[in-house]
Amino acid sequence: MKMYAAPLLVHDDPGKDNDLPVSTNFLDGLRLNYGRLTTMEDRVGLKLAAEPKLLTGIDYTTIDKPLAVEPLSAAWDIENLSQIDSFIVFSVSQFAPGIELNSLESKTWILERFGFRPFEQASGTLRFSITMAPQNPTWTISLPSHQEIGPQTYSPIFAFTRAKMALQTTPFRSYRSAKSKTSKKK
């Protein structure tokens, strides 16, 4: 099995309504910390910004112990960095000579997409690194060609922590439903 990644061009999110008079920046930031499953319907609008690159390869016939969880990474030279907002990760499995399954082309396999905030730079080297630890997957997008720009790192644990901190610092009142008030009177 070989695992690949490829940068994706920015696409319109049909579930996002920009005409609302409220800011969803906080929620958008939380959402970026979760990989998104990409169904066949979602794949219609996806456009690769560059050729896929190999992240890792595993020969299951020779593995005799669990593999170490290490960061996997690849880099691309990109002409317009501001047009890229995510990476797609997929696998190609060879079951026997000539019998191969490419999950990017398969209608039955779901792919995972990892988003980030697009960079404003015109061009440069874009690096995608991912650690696929079962309890805490993390991915980082960086610009090695622009050392002055810090990397963006995402993880579901970051979203959980941000939401918990926001909840603790937000004043709110607790209300009981009318149903629970009437049940206490009996």
C-alpha atoms as a PDB file:
ATOM      1  CA  MET A   1       0.000   0.000   0.000  1.00  0.00           C
ATOM      2  CA  LYS A   2       1.212   3.468  -0.853  1.00  0.00           C
ATOM      3  CA  MET A   3      -0.241   6.624   0.652  1.00  0.00           C
ATOM      4  CA  TYR A   4      -0.271   9.845  -1.374  1.00  0.00           C
ATOM      5  CA  ALA A   5      -1.195  13.482  -0.804  1.00  0.00           C
ATOM      6  CA  ALA A   6      -2.088  16.233  -3.267  1.00  0.00           C
ATOM      7  CA  PRO A   7      -2.923  19.922  -2.798  1.00  0.00           C
ATOM      8  CA  LEU A   8      -6.432  20.998  -3.803  1.00  0.00           C
ATOM      9  CA  LEU A   9      -7.585  24.232  -5.387  1.00  0.00           C
ATOM     10  CA  VAL A  10      -9.913  26.425  -3.335  1.00  0.00           C
ATOM     11  CA  HIS A  11     -13.526  25.538  -4.021  1.00  0.00           C
ATOM     12  CA  ASP A  12     -16.857  27.009  -3.010  1.00  0.00           C
ATOM     13  CA  ASP A  13     -18.412  25.327  -0.004  1.00  0.00           C
ATOM     14  CA  PRO A  14     -22.140  24.926  -0.745  1.00  0.00           C
ATOM     15  CA  GLY A  15     -22.882  24.658   2.970  1.00  0.00           C
ATOM     16  CA  LYS A  16     -21.396  28.068   3.705  1.00  0.00           C
ATOM     17  CA  ASP A  17     -23.644  31.115   3.316  1.00  0.00           C
ATOM     18  CA  ASN A  18     -21.593  34.323   3.214  1.00  0.00           C
ATOM     19  CA  ASP A  19     -24.702  36.539   3.214  1.00  0.00           C
ATOM     20  CA  LEU A  20     -25.462  36.001   6.903  1.00  0.00           C
ATOM     21  CA  PRO A  21     -24.982  39.075   9.135  1.00  0.00           C
ATOM     22  CA  VAL A  22     -22.924  37.067  11.654  1.00  0.00           C
ATOM     23  CA  SER A  23     -19.281  36.069  11.748  1.00  0.00           C
ATOM     24  CA  THR A  24     -18.483  32.379  11.719  1.00  0.00           C
ATOM     25  CA  ASN A  25     -14.700  32.835  11.964  1.00  0.00           C
ATOM     26  CA  PHE A  26     -14.519  30.985  15.284  1.00  0.00           C
ATOM     27  CA  LEU A  27     -16.461  28.004  13.927  1.00  0.00           C
ATOM     28  CA  ASP A  28     -14.464  28.016  10.689  1.00  0.00           C
ATOM     29  CA  GLY A  29     -11.274  27.889  12.760  1.00  0.00           C
ATOM     30  CA  LEU A  30     -12.591  24.940  14.740  1.00  0.00           C
ATOM     31  CA  ARG A  31     -13.683  23.129  11.592  1.00  0.00           C
ATOM     32  CA  LEU A  32     -10.186  23.358  10.089  1.00  0.00           C
ATOM     33  CA  ASN A  33      -8.939  21.174  12.937  1.00  0.00           C
ATOM     34  CA  TYR A  34     -10.882  18.170  11.671  1.00  0.00           C
ATOM     35  CA  GLY A  35     -10.148  16.156   8.580  1.00  0.00           C
ATOM     36  CA  ARG A  36     -13.238  16.015   6.388  1.00  0.00           C
ATOM     37  CA  LEU A  37     -14.438  12.821   4.791  1.00  0.00           C
ATOM     38  CA  THR A  38     -14.856  13.317   1.066  1.00  0.00           C
ATOM     39  CA  THR A  39     -17.694  11.379  -0.506  1.00  0.00           C
ATOM     40  CA  MET A  40     -18.185  10.711  -4.216  1.00  0.00           C
ATOM     41  CA  GLU A  41     -20.574  13.657  -4.382  1.00  0.00           C
ATOM     42  CA  ASP A  42     -17.949  15.941  -2.825  1.00  0.00           C
ATOM     43  CA  ARG A  43     -15.258  14.730  -5.232  1.00  0.00           C
ATOM     44  CA  VAL A  44     -17.030  16.222  -8.253  1.00  0.00           C
ATOM     45  CA  GLY A  45     -15.822  19.726  -7.353  1.00  0.00           C
ATOM     46  CA  LEU A  46     -12.297  18.790  -6.272  1.00  0.00           C
ATOM     47  CA  LYS A  47      -9.428  19.906  -8.494  1.00  0.00           C
ATOM     48  CA  LEU A  48      -5.839  18.879  -7.854  1.00  0.00           C
ATOM     49  CA  ALA A  49      -3.422  21.844  -7.840  1.00  0.00           C
ATOM     50  CA  ALA A  50      -0.414  19.576  -8.449  1.00  0.00           C
ATOM     51  CA  GLU A  51       0.473  15.950  -8.989  1.00  0.00           C
ATOM     52  CA  PRO A  52       0.087  13.624  -5.975  1.00  0.00           C
ATOM     53  CA  LYS A  53       3.281  12.823  -4.071  1.00  0.00           C
ATOM     54  CA  LEU A  54       4.148   9.733  -2.058  1.00  0.00           C
ATOM     55  CA  LEU A  55       3.900  10.067   1.734  1.00  0.00           C
ATOM     56  CA  THR A  56       4.746   6.465   2.629  1.00  0.00           C
ATOM     57  CA  GLY A  57       4.684   2.901   1.364  1.00  0.00           C
ATOM     58  CA  ILE A  58       4.113  -0.304   3.306  1.00  0.00           C
ATOM     59  CA  ASP A  59       4.674  -3.891   2.216  1.00  0.00           C
ATOM     60  CA  TYR A  60       2.268  -5.860   4.419  1.00  0.00           C
ATOM     61  CA  THR A  61       3.953  -9.150   3.544  1.00  0.00           C
ATOM     62  CA  THR A  62       7.152  -8.113   5.350  1.00  0.00           C
ATOM     63  CA  ILE A  63       5.862  -6.273   8.432  1.00  0.00           C
ATOM     64  CA  ASP A  64       6.701  -8.135  11.648  1.00  0.00           C
ATOM     65  CA  LYS A  65       6.001  -5.388  14.244  1.00  0.00           C
ATOM     66  CA  PRO A  66       3.831  -2.270  14.509  1.00  0.00           C
ATOM     67  CA  LEU A  67       5.151   0.692  12.580  1.00  0.00           C
ATOM     68  CA  ALA A  68       6.325   3.760  14.484  1.00  0.00           C
ATOM     69  CA  VAL A  69       4.053   6.787  14.209  1.00  0.00           C
ATOM     70  CA  GLU A  70       6.228   9.304  12.393  1.00  0.00           C
ATOM     71  CA  PRO A  71       5.443  12.493  10.510  1.00  0.00           C
ATOM     72  CA  LEU A  72       4.880  11.867   6.804  1.00  0.00           C
ATOM     73  CA  SER A  73       5.512  14.765   4.447  1.00  0.00           C
ATOM     74  CA  ALA A  74       5.790  15.934   0.871  1.00  0.00           C
ATOM     75  CA  ALA A  75       6.415  19.303  -0.788  1.00  0.00           C
ATOM     76  CA  TRP A  76       5.331  20.979  -4.024  1.00  0.00           C
ATOM     77  CA  ASP A  77       6.500  24.091  -5.891  1.00  0.00           C
ATOM     78  CA  ILE A  78       3.284  26.062  -6.431  1.00  0.00           C
ATOM     79  CA  GLU A  79       2.714  29.060  -8.700  1.00  0.00           C
ATOM     80  CA  ASN A  80      -0.289  30.562  -6.873  1.00  0.00           C
ATOM     81  CA  LEU A  81      -0.355  29.577  -3.216  1.00  0.00           C
ATOM     82  CA  SER A  82      -3.491  31.604  -2.473  1.00  0.00           C
ATOM     83  CA  GLN A  83      -5.544  29.214  -4.609  1.00  0.00           C
ATOM     84  CA  ILE A  84      -4.879  26.182  -2.381  1.00  0.00           C
ATOM     85  CA  ASP A  85      -6.915  25.514   0.778  1.00  0.00           C
ATOM     86  CA  SER A  86      -6.544  21.807   1.539  1.00  0.00           C
ATOM     87  CA  PHE A  87      -4.853  18.488   0.850  1.00  0.00           C
ATOM     88  CA  ILE A  88      -6.433  15.193  -0.103  1.00  0.00           C
ATOM     89  CA  VAL A  89      -4.863  11.980   1.226  1.00  0.00           C
ATOM     90  CA  PHE A  90      -5.505   8.681  -0.522  1.00  0.00           C
ATOM     91  CA  SER A  91      -3.999   5.229  -0.911  1.00  0.00           C
ATOM     92  CA  VAL A  92      -3.128   2.898  -3.741  1.00  0.00           C
ATOM     93  CA  SER A  93      -3.119  -0.772  -2.763  1.00  0.00           C
ATOM     94  CA  GLN A  94      -1.693  -3.593  -4.868  1.00  0.00           C
ATOM     95  CA  PHE A  95      -3.310  -6.930  -4.000  1.00  0.00           C
ATOM     96  CA  ALA A  96      -1.512  -8.957  -6.656  1.00  0.00           C
ATOM     97  CA  PRO A  97       0.407  -8.128  -9.833  1.00  0.00           C
ATOM     98  CA  GLY A  98      -2.005  -6.166 -12.018  1.00  0.00           C
ATOM     99  CA  ILE A  99      -4.724  -5.949  -9.322  1.00  0.00           C
ATOM    100  CA  GLU A 100      -4.674  -2.482  -7.799  1.00  0.00           C
ATOM    101  CA  LEU A 101      -7.137  -0.249  -5.949  1.00  0.00           C
ATOM    102  CA  ASN A 102      -6.664   3.517  -6.187  1.00  0.00           C
ATOM    103  CA  SER A 103      -8.931   5.058  -3.526  1.00  0.00           C
ATOM    104  CA  LEU A 104      -8.888   8.419  -5.347  1.00  0.00           C
ATOM    105  CA  GLU A 105     -10.595   6.780  -8.318  1.00  0.00           C
ATOM    106  CA  SER A 106     -12.736   4.306  -6.377  1.00  0.00           C
ATOM    107  CA  LYS A 107     -16.460   4.860  -5.964  1.00  0.00           C
ATOM    108  CA  THR A 108     -16.583   2.931  -2.695  1.00  0.00           C
ATOM    109  CA  TRP A 109     -13.701   4.421  -0.714  1.00  0.00           C
ATOM    110  CA  ILE A 110     -14.029   7.641   1.234  1.00  0.00           C
ATOM    111  CA  LEU A 111     -11.055   9.998   1.181  1.00  0.00           C
ATOM    112  CA  GLU A 112      -9.939  12.398   3.882  1.00  0.00           C
ATOM    113  CA  ARG A 113      -9.330  16.057   3.186  1.00  0.00           C
ATOM    114  CA  PHE A 114      -7.218  18.283   5.447  1.00  0.00           C
ATOM    115  CA  GLY A 115      -7.921  22.005   5.252  1.00  0.00           C
ATOM    116  CA  PHE A 116      -5.939  25.110   6.154  1.00  0.00           C
ATOM    117  CA  ARG A 117      -6.099  28.878   5.726  1.00  0.00           C
ATOM    118  CA  PRO A 118      -4.699  29.779   2.268  1.00  0.00           C
ATOM    119  CA  PHE A 119      -1.440  31.702   2.161  1.00  0.00           C
ATOM    120  CA  GLU A 120      -1.304  35.088   0.407  1.00  0.00           C
ATOM    121  CA  GLN A 121       2.092  34.570  -1.244  1.00  0.00           C
ATOM    122  CA  ALA A 122       2.241  34.458  -5.026  1.00  0.00           C
ATOM    123  CA  SER A 123       4.401  31.352  -5.291  1.00  0.00           C
ATOM    124  CA  GLY A 124       6.690  29.098  -3.307  1.00  0.00           C
ATOM    125  CA  THR A 125       7.252  25.656  -1.882  1.00  0.00           C
ATOM    126  CA  LEU A 126       4.269  24.252   0.014  1.00  0.00           C
ATOM    127  CA  ARG A 127       4.909  21.403   2.481  1.00  0.00           C
ATOM    128  CA  PHE A 128       2.255  19.095   3.936  1.00  0.00           C
ATOM    129  CA  SER A 129       3.209  16.978   6.975  1.00  0.00           C
ATOM    130  CA  ILE A 130       0.890  14.625   8.820  1.00  0.00           C
ATOM    131  CA  THR A 131       1.254  12.443  11.895  1.00  0.00           C
ATOM    132  CA  MET A 132      -1.446   9.806  11.906  1.00  0.00           C
ATOM    133  CA  ALA A 133      -1.396   8.981  15.608  1.00  0.00           C
ATOM    134  CA  PRO A 134      -4.685   7.250  16.479  1.00  0.00           C
ATOM    135  CA  GLN A 135      -5.345   9.417  19.558  1.00  0.00           C
ATOM    136  CA  ASN A 136      -4.107  12.722  18.144  1.00  0.00           C
ATOM    137  CA  PRO A 137      -3.703  13.107  14.374  1.00  0.00           C
ATOM    138  CA  THR A 138      -1.917  16.347  13.503  1.00  0.00           C
ATOM    139  CA  TRP A 139      -1.138  18.026  10.199  1.00  0.00           C
ATOM    140  CA  THR A 140       1.068  21.002   9.422  1.00  0.00           C
ATOM    141  CA  ILE A 141       1.224  23.182   6.337  1.00  0.00           C
ATOM    142  CA  SER A 142       4.356  25.258   5.904  1.00  0.00           C
ATOM    143  CA  LEU A 143       6.197  27.364   3.352  1.00  0.00           C
ATOM    144  CA  PRO A 144       9.892  26.355   3.409  1.00  0.00           C
ATOM    145  CA  SER A 145      10.502  28.928   0.659  1.00  0.00           C
ATOM    146  CA  HIS A 146       9.192  31.707   2.960  1.00  0.00           C
ATOM    147  CA  GLN A 147      10.888  31.114   6.312  1.00  0.00           C
ATOM    148  CA  GLU A 148       9.409  34.345   7.716  1.00  0.00           C
ATOM    149  CA  ILE A 149       5.905  32.809   7.587  1.00  0.00           C
ATOM    150  CA  GLY A 150       5.126  30.431  10.421  1.00  0.00           C
ATOM    151  CA  PRO A 151       3.581  27.017   9.813  1.00  0.00           C
ATOM    152  CA  GLN A 152      -0.099  26.243  10.358  1.00  0.00           C
ATOM    153  CA  THR A 153      -0.717  23.203  12.556  1.00  0.00           C
ATOM    154  CA  TYR A 154      -4.117  21.559  13.057  1.00  0.00           C
ATOM    155  CA  SER A 155      -5.506  18.750  15.215  1.00  0.00           C
ATOM    156  CA  PRO A 156      -8.893  17.778  16.664  1.00  0.00           C
ATOM    157  CA  ILE A 157      -7.401  18.225  20.154  1.00  0.00           C
ATOM    158  CA  PHE A 158      -6.746  21.904  19.327  1.00  0.00           C
ATOM    159  CA  ALA A 159     -10.404  22.416  18.382  1.00  0.00           C
ATOM    160  CA  PHE A 160     -11.611  20.726  21.568  1.00  0.00           C
ATOM    161  CA  THR A 161      -9.310  22.876  23.705  1.00  0.00           C
ATOM    162  CA  ARG A 162     -10.328  26.120  21.967  1.00  0.00           C
ATOM    163  CA  ALA A 163     -14.036  25.318  22.323  1.00  0.00           C
ATOM    164  CA  LYS A 164     -13.638  24.396  25.996  1.00  0.00           C
ATOM    165  CA  MET A 165     -11.710  27.602  26.720  1.00  0.00           C
ATOM    166  CA  ALA A 166     -14.306  29.705  24.892  1.00  0.00           C
ATOM    167  CA  LEU A 167     -17.105  28.061  26.845  1.00  0.00           C
ATOM    168  CA  GLN A 168     -15.363  28.770  30.164  1.00  0.00           C
ATOM    169  CA  THR A 169     -14.809  32.453  29.329  1.00  0.00           C
ATOM    170  CA  THR A 170     -18.251  33.154  27.846  1.00  0.00           C
ATOM    171  CA  PRO A 171     -20.885  34.440  30.276  1.00  0.00           C
ATOM    172  CA  PHE A 172     -24.222  32.705  29.858  1.00  0.00           C
ATOM    173  CA  ARG A 173     -27.357  31.992  31.824  1.00  0.00           C
ATOM    174  CA  SER A 174     -28.807  28.582  32.249  1.00  0.00           C
ATOM    175  CA  TYR A 175     -32.554  28.188  31.714  1.00  0.00           C
ATOM    176  CA  ARG A 176     -34.762  25.271  32.567  1.00  0.00           C
ATOM    177  CA  SER A 177     -37.432  24.244  30.120  1.00  0.00           C
ATOM    178  CA  ALA A 178     -41.083  24.837  30.979  1.00  0.00           C
ATOM    179  CA  LYS A 179     -41.580  21.068  31.125  1.00  0.00           C
ATOM    180  CA  SER A 180     -38.984  20.610  33.878  1.00  0.00           C
ATOM    181  CA  LYS A 181     -40.536  23.479  35.913  1.00  0.00           C
ATOM    182  CA  THR A 182     -43.990  21.888  35.859  1.00  0.00           C
ATOM    183  CA  SER A 183     -42.674  18.448  36.809  1.00  0.00           C
ATOM    184  CA  LYS A 184     -41.172  19.849  40.041  1.00  0.00           C
ATOM    185  CA  LYS A 185     -44.563  21.342  41.105  1.00  0.00           C
ATOM    186  CA  LYS A 186     -46.258  17.935  41.326  1.00  0.00           C
END
